[in-house]
Amino acid sequence: MKGKSIDFKTIPAKLAVLAQKLRQYAVLVFVVALVAMYGYLVFRINTLTGQEPSEDAIAQKLQAVKRPKIDQSAIDKIQQLQDNSVEVQSLFQQARDNPFQE
């Protein structure tokens, strides 16, 4: 390397030869790059779907949830109405047996 000097006039010719050789493998390089990209995406999706939330994140989300409060008088009124009507009793029982049936 000590005796060699870079001649700037020969660089375009050398790059043209290199470009010609690379042009032969352009499709192969493209396919390999595409497969590598899809492989990375599949790997990344796989790692992200396997992550579980931390206990701190779960506790923080649970604190943000506001639980509905029903006053005792409304509960008593619903139970009283349920006890008075046989049709409503059967409706409640049917809903308990199969809650997804219309």
N, C-alpha and C. Protein backbone atom coordinates (compact mmCIF):
# COMPACT_ATOMS: atom_id res chain seq x y z
N MET A 1 0.82 -1.19 0.00
CA MET A 1 0.00 0.00 0.00
C MET A 1 0.86 1.25 0.00
N LYS A 2 2.10 1.13 0.44
CA LYS A 2 2.96 2.32 0.48
C LYS A 2 3.28 2.81 -0.93
N GLY A 3 3.48 1.90 -1.84
CA GLY A 3 3.87 2.28 -3.18
C GLY A 3 2.70 2.66 -4.07
N LYS A 4 1.48 2.33 -3.68
CA LYS A 4 0.31 2.60 -4.52
C LYS A 4 -0.23 3.99 -4.22
N SER A 5 -0.61 4.66 -5.27
CA SER A 5 -1.27 5.96 -5.11
C SER A 5 -2.64 5.87 -5.77
N ILE A 6 -3.52 6.66 -5.30
CA ILE A 6 -4.88 6.65 -5.84
C ILE A 6 -4.94 7.62 -7.01
N ASP A 7 -5.36 7.08 -8.12
CA ASP A 7 -5.52 7.91 -9.31
C ASP A 7 -7.02 8.17 -9.47
N PHE A 8 -7.40 9.41 -9.36
CA PHE A 8 -8.82 9.78 -9.39
C PHE A 8 -9.44 9.61 -10.78
N LYS A 9 -8.64 9.48 -11.77
CA LYS A 9 -9.16 9.32 -13.13
C LYS A 9 -9.62 7.89 -13.40
N THR A 10 -9.09 6.93 -12.66
CA THR A 10 -9.48 5.53 -12.87
C THR A 10 -10.64 5.09 -11.98
N ILE A 11 -11.03 5.93 -11.02
CA ILE A 11 -12.12 5.55 -10.10
C ILE A 11 -13.44 5.35 -10.84
N PRO A 12 -13.86 6.23 -11.74
CA PRO A 12 -15.13 5.97 -12.45
C PRO A 12 -15.13 4.67 -13.24
N ALA A 13 -14.02 4.32 -13.83
CA ALA A 13 -13.95 3.08 -14.60
C ALA A 13 -14.06 1.87 -13.67
N LYS A 14 -13.41 1.94 -12.53
CA LYS A 14 -13.49 0.83 -11.56
C LYS A 14 -14.90 0.72 -10.98
N LEU A 15 -15.54 1.86 -10.73
CA LEU A 15 -16.92 1.83 -10.23
C LEU A 15 -17.89 1.29 -11.27
N ALA A 16 -17.63 1.57 -12.52
CA ALA A 16 -18.49 1.05 -13.60
C ALA A 16 -18.38 -0.47 -13.66
N VAL A 17 -17.16 -1.01 -13.52
CA VAL A 17 -16.97 -2.46 -13.52
C VAL A 17 -17.68 -3.08 -12.32
N LEU A 18 -17.53 -2.44 -11.16
CA LEU A 18 -18.19 -2.94 -9.95
C LEU A 18 -19.71 -2.89 -10.09
N ALA A 19 -20.24 -1.81 -10.65
CA ALA A 19 -21.68 -1.69 -10.86
C ALA A 19 -22.19 -2.76 -11.82
N GLN A 20 -21.41 -3.07 -12.84
CA GLN A 20 -21.81 -4.11 -13.79
C GLN A 20 -21.90 -5.47 -13.11
N LYS A 21 -20.93 -5.77 -12.22
CA LYS A 21 -20.96 -7.04 -11.51
C LYS A 21 -22.14 -7.10 -10.52
N LEU A 22 -22.41 -5.98 -9.87
CA LEU A 22 -23.53 -5.96 -8.93
C LEU A 22 -24.89 -6.02 -9.63
N ARG A 23 -24.96 -5.50 -10.84
CA ARG A 23 -26.22 -5.52 -11.59
C ARG A 23 -26.67 -6.94 -11.89
N GLN A 24 -25.72 -7.86 -12.00
CA GLN A 24 -26.07 -9.26 -12.26
C GLN A 24 -26.82 -9.85 -11.07
N TYR A 25 -26.48 -9.40 -9.88
CA TYR A 25 -27.07 -9.96 -8.66
C TYR A 25 -28.13 -9.04 -8.03
N ALA A 26 -28.64 -8.09 -8.77
CA ALA A 26 -29.59 -7.12 -8.23
C ALA A 26 -30.86 -7.80 -7.72
N VAL A 27 -31.39 -8.72 -8.47
CA VAL A 27 -32.62 -9.41 -8.06
C VAL A 27 -32.37 -10.24 -6.81
N LEU A 28 -31.24 -10.92 -6.78
CA LEU A 28 -30.90 -11.73 -5.61
C LEU A 28 -30.72 -10.86 -4.37
N VAL A 29 -30.03 -9.75 -4.51
CA VAL A 29 -29.83 -8.84 -3.38
C VAL A 29 -31.18 -8.29 -2.91
N PHE A 30 -32.06 -7.96 -3.84
CA PHE A 30 -33.38 -7.45 -3.48
C PHE A 30 -34.18 -8.51 -2.72
N VAL A 31 -34.18 -9.73 -3.20
CA VAL A 31 -34.94 -10.80 -2.55
C VAL A 31 -34.38 -11.08 -1.16
N VAL A 32 -33.05 -11.11 -1.02
CA VAL A 32 -32.44 -11.35 0.28
C VAL A 32 -32.78 -10.21 1.24
N ALA A 33 -32.74 -8.98 0.77
CA ALA A 33 -33.10 -7.84 1.62
C ALA A 33 -34.56 -7.92 2.03
N LEU A 34 -35.43 -8.30 1.12
CA LEU A 34 -36.86 -8.42 1.43
C LEU A 34 -37.12 -9.52 2.45
N VAL A 35 -36.46 -10.67 2.28
CA VAL A 35 -36.61 -11.77 3.23
C VAL A 35 -36.07 -11.37 4.60
N ALA A 36 -34.96 -10.65 4.63
CA ALA A 36 -34.40 -10.19 5.90
C ALA A 36 -35.35 -9.22 6.60
N MET A 37 -35.97 -8.34 5.84
CA MET A 37 -36.90 -7.38 6.41
C MET A 37 -38.13 -8.10 6.99
N TYR A 38 -38.70 -9.02 6.23
CA TYR A 38 -39.86 -9.77 6.73
C TYR A 38 -39.48 -10.64 7.92
N GLY A 39 -38.31 -11.21 7.90
CA GLY A 39 -37.85 -12.00 9.04
C GLY A 39 -37.74 -11.15 10.29
N TYR A 40 -37.19 -9.94 10.15
CA TYR A 40 -37.09 -9.04 11.29
C TYR A 40 -38.47 -8.66 11.81
N LEU A 41 -39.39 -8.38 10.90
CA LEU A 41 -40.75 -8.01 11.32
C LEU A 41 -41.43 -9.15 12.07
N VAL A 42 -41.30 -10.36 11.58
CA VAL A 42 -41.90 -11.52 12.26
C VAL A 42 -41.27 -11.71 13.63
N PHE A 43 -39.96 -11.57 13.71
CA PHE A 43 -39.27 -11.69 15.00
C PHE A 43 -39.73 -10.62 15.97
N ARG A 44 -39.86 -9.40 15.50
CA ARG A 44 -40.26 -8.28 16.37
C ARG A 44 -41.71 -8.45 16.83
N ILE A 45 -42.58 -8.86 15.94
CA ILE A 45 -43.98 -9.09 16.31
C ILE A 45 -44.07 -10.21 17.34
N ASN A 46 -43.29 -11.24 17.14
CA ASN A 46 -43.30 -12.37 18.06
C ASN A 46 -42.83 -11.95 19.45
N THR A 47 -41.80 -11.13 19.53
CA THR A 47 -41.32 -10.69 20.84
C THR A 47 -42.30 -9.74 21.51
N LEU A 48 -42.97 -8.90 20.73
CA LEU A 48 -43.90 -7.94 21.32
C LEU A 48 -45.19 -8.62 21.79
N THR A 49 -45.62 -9.67 21.10
CA THR A 49 -46.85 -10.34 21.54
C THR A 49 -46.61 -11.20 22.76
N GLY A 50 -45.38 -11.59 23.00
CA GLY A 50 -45.08 -12.43 24.15
C GLY A 50 -44.88 -11.66 25.44
N GLN A 51 -44.84 -10.34 25.38
CA GLN A 51 -44.59 -9.54 26.58
C GLN A 51 -45.84 -9.46 27.44
N GLU A 52 -45.63 -9.58 28.73
CA GLU A 52 -46.71 -9.43 29.70
C GLU A 52 -46.53 -8.09 30.41
N PRO A 53 -47.61 -7.43 30.79
CA PRO A 53 -47.47 -6.17 31.51
C PRO A 53 -46.90 -6.41 32.91
N SER A 54 -46.19 -5.42 33.42
CA SER A 54 -45.61 -5.55 34.75
C SER A 54 -46.70 -5.38 35.80
N GLU A 55 -46.38 -5.79 37.01
CA GLU A 55 -47.34 -5.67 38.11
C GLU A 55 -47.66 -4.21 38.40
N ASP A 56 -46.67 -3.35 38.24
CA ASP A 56 -46.90 -1.92 38.47
C ASP A 56 -47.89 -1.35 37.44
N ALA A 57 -47.75 -1.76 36.18
CA ALA A 57 -48.66 -1.28 35.14
C ALA A 57 -50.08 -1.78 35.39
N ILE A 58 -50.20 -3.02 35.84
CA ILE A 58 -51.53 -3.57 36.13
C ILE A 58 -52.16 -2.82 37.29
N ALA A 59 -51.39 -2.58 38.35
CA ALA A 59 -51.91 -1.87 39.51
C ALA A 59 -52.31 -0.45 39.13
N GLN A 60 -51.54 0.20 38.29
CA GLN A 60 -51.86 1.56 37.88
C GLN A 60 -53.16 1.60 37.07
N LYS A 61 -53.35 0.64 36.18
CA LYS A 61 -54.59 0.60 35.39
C LYS A 61 -55.80 0.28 36.27
N LEU A 62 -55.60 -0.60 37.26
CA LEU A 62 -56.72 -0.94 38.15
C LEU A 62 -57.12 0.24 39.01
N GLN A 63 -56.17 1.08 39.37
CA GLN A 63 -56.51 2.26 40.16
C GLN A 63 -57.28 3.27 39.34
N ALA A 64 -57.05 3.29 38.04
CA ALA A 64 -57.73 4.24 37.17
C ALA A 64 -59.17 3.82 36.89
N VAL A 65 -59.51 2.55 37.11
CA VAL A 65 -60.87 2.06 36.85
C VAL A 65 -61.78 2.50 37.98
N LYS A 66 -62.88 3.13 37.61
CA LYS A 66 -63.86 3.54 38.61
C LYS A 66 -64.97 2.50 38.65
N ARG A 67 -65.16 1.95 39.79
CA ARG A 67 -66.18 0.92 39.95
C ARG A 67 -67.56 1.57 40.13
N PRO A 68 -68.55 1.04 39.43
CA PRO A 68 -69.89 1.62 39.59
C PRO A 68 -70.45 1.30 40.98
N LYS A 69 -71.13 2.27 41.54
CA LYS A 69 -71.74 2.07 42.86
C LYS A 69 -73.25 2.17 42.71
N ILE A 70 -73.92 1.16 43.22
CA ILE A 70 -75.38 1.12 43.18
C ILE A 70 -75.85 1.23 44.63
N ASP A 71 -76.72 2.18 44.87
CA ASP A 71 -77.17 2.36 46.25
C ASP A 71 -78.08 1.20 46.67
N GLN A 72 -78.13 0.98 47.94
CA GLN A 72 -78.84 -0.17 48.50
C GLN A 72 -80.34 -0.09 48.23
N SER A 73 -80.92 1.11 48.15
CA SER A 73 -82.36 1.24 47.91
C SER A 73 -82.72 0.73 46.52
N ALA A 74 -81.85 0.96 45.51
CA ALA A 74 -82.11 0.47 44.16
C ALA A 74 -82.04 -1.05 44.14
N ILE A 75 -81.08 -1.62 44.87
CA ILE A 75 -80.97 -3.08 44.93
C ILE A 75 -82.20 -3.68 45.58
N ASP A 76 -82.65 -3.07 46.68
CA ASP A 76 -83.85 -3.56 47.36
C ASP A 76 -85.07 -3.47 46.47
N LYS A 77 -85.21 -2.39 45.71
CA LYS A 77 -86.36 -2.21 44.83
C LYS A 77 -86.36 -3.27 43.71
N ILE A 78 -85.20 -3.55 43.13
CA ILE A 78 -85.11 -4.57 42.07
C ILE A 78 -85.46 -5.95 42.62
N GLN A 79 -84.97 -6.26 43.81
CA GLN A 79 -85.28 -7.55 44.42
C GLN A 79 -86.76 -7.65 44.77
N GLN A 80 -87.35 -6.57 45.22
CA GLN A 80 -88.78 -6.57 45.55
C GLN A 80 -89.61 -6.79 44.28
N LEU A 81 -89.25 -6.12 43.19
CA LEU A 81 -89.98 -6.30 41.94
C LEU A 81 -89.79 -7.72 41.39
N GLN A 82 -88.63 -8.27 41.58
CA GLN A 82 -88.37 -9.63 41.12
C GLN A 82 -89.22 -10.62 41.92
N ASP A 83 -89.33 -10.42 43.19
CA ASP A 83 -90.11 -11.33 44.04
C ASP A 83 -91.60 -11.26 43.74
N ASN A 84 -92.09 -10.11 43.29
CA ASN A 84 -93.52 -9.93 43.09
C ASN A 84 -94.02 -10.54 41.78
N SER A 85 -93.21 -10.64 40.79
CA SER A 85 -93.68 -11.08 39.49
C SER A 85 -93.08 -12.43 39.12
N VAL A 86 -93.95 -13.39 38.79
CA VAL A 86 -93.50 -14.71 38.39
C VAL A 86 -92.82 -14.63 37.02
N GLU A 87 -93.33 -13.79 36.13
CA GLU A 87 -92.75 -13.65 34.80
C GLU A 87 -91.34 -13.08 34.89
N VAL A 88 -91.15 -12.11 35.77
CA VAL A 88 -89.82 -11.52 35.93
C VAL A 88 -88.88 -12.54 36.57
N GLN A 89 -89.40 -13.35 37.50
CA GLN A 89 -88.55 -14.37 38.11
C GLN A 89 -88.05 -15.36 37.06
N SER A 90 -88.95 -15.77 36.18
CA SER A 90 -88.53 -16.71 35.14
C SER A 90 -87.57 -16.05 34.17
N LEU A 91 -87.75 -14.76 33.90
CA LEU A 91 -86.84 -14.03 33.02
C LEU A 91 -85.45 -13.94 33.64
N PHE A 92 -85.39 -13.63 34.95
CA PHE A 92 -84.10 -13.59 35.63
C PHE A 92 -83.44 -14.96 35.65
N GLN A 93 -84.22 -15.99 35.91
CA GLN A 93 -83.66 -17.34 35.95
C GLN A 93 -83.16 -17.76 34.57
N GLN A 94 -83.92 -17.44 33.54
CA GLN A 94 -83.51 -17.78 32.18
C GLN A 94 -82.23 -17.02 31.80
N ALA A 95 -82.13 -15.78 32.22
CA ALA A 95 -80.92 -14.99 31.92
C ALA A 95 -79.71 -15.55 32.67
N ARG A 96 -79.93 -16.10 33.84
CA ARG A 96 -78.82 -16.70 34.56
C ARG A 96 -78.38 -18.00 33.93
N ASP A 97 -79.35 -18.76 33.42
CA ASP A 97 -79.03 -20.05 32.82
C ASP A 97 -78.27 -19.86 31.49
N ASN A 98 -78.75 -18.96 30.64
CA ASN A 98 -78.12 -18.73 29.35
C ASN A 98 -78.14 -17.22 29.07
N PRO A 99 -77.10 -16.50 29.47
CA PRO A 99 -77.12 -15.04 29.34
C PRO A 99 -76.97 -14.55 27.90
N PHE A 100 -76.61 -15.42 26.97
CA PHE A 100 -76.38 -14.99 25.59
C PHE A 100 -77.56 -15.29 24.68
N GLN A 101 -78.63 -15.79 25.23
CA GLN A 101 -79.81 -16.11 24.41
C GLN A 101 -80.73 -14.91 24.40
N GLU A 102 -81.25 -14.61 23.24
CA GLU A 102 -82.18 -13.48 23.09
C GLU A 102 -83.57 -13.89 23.46
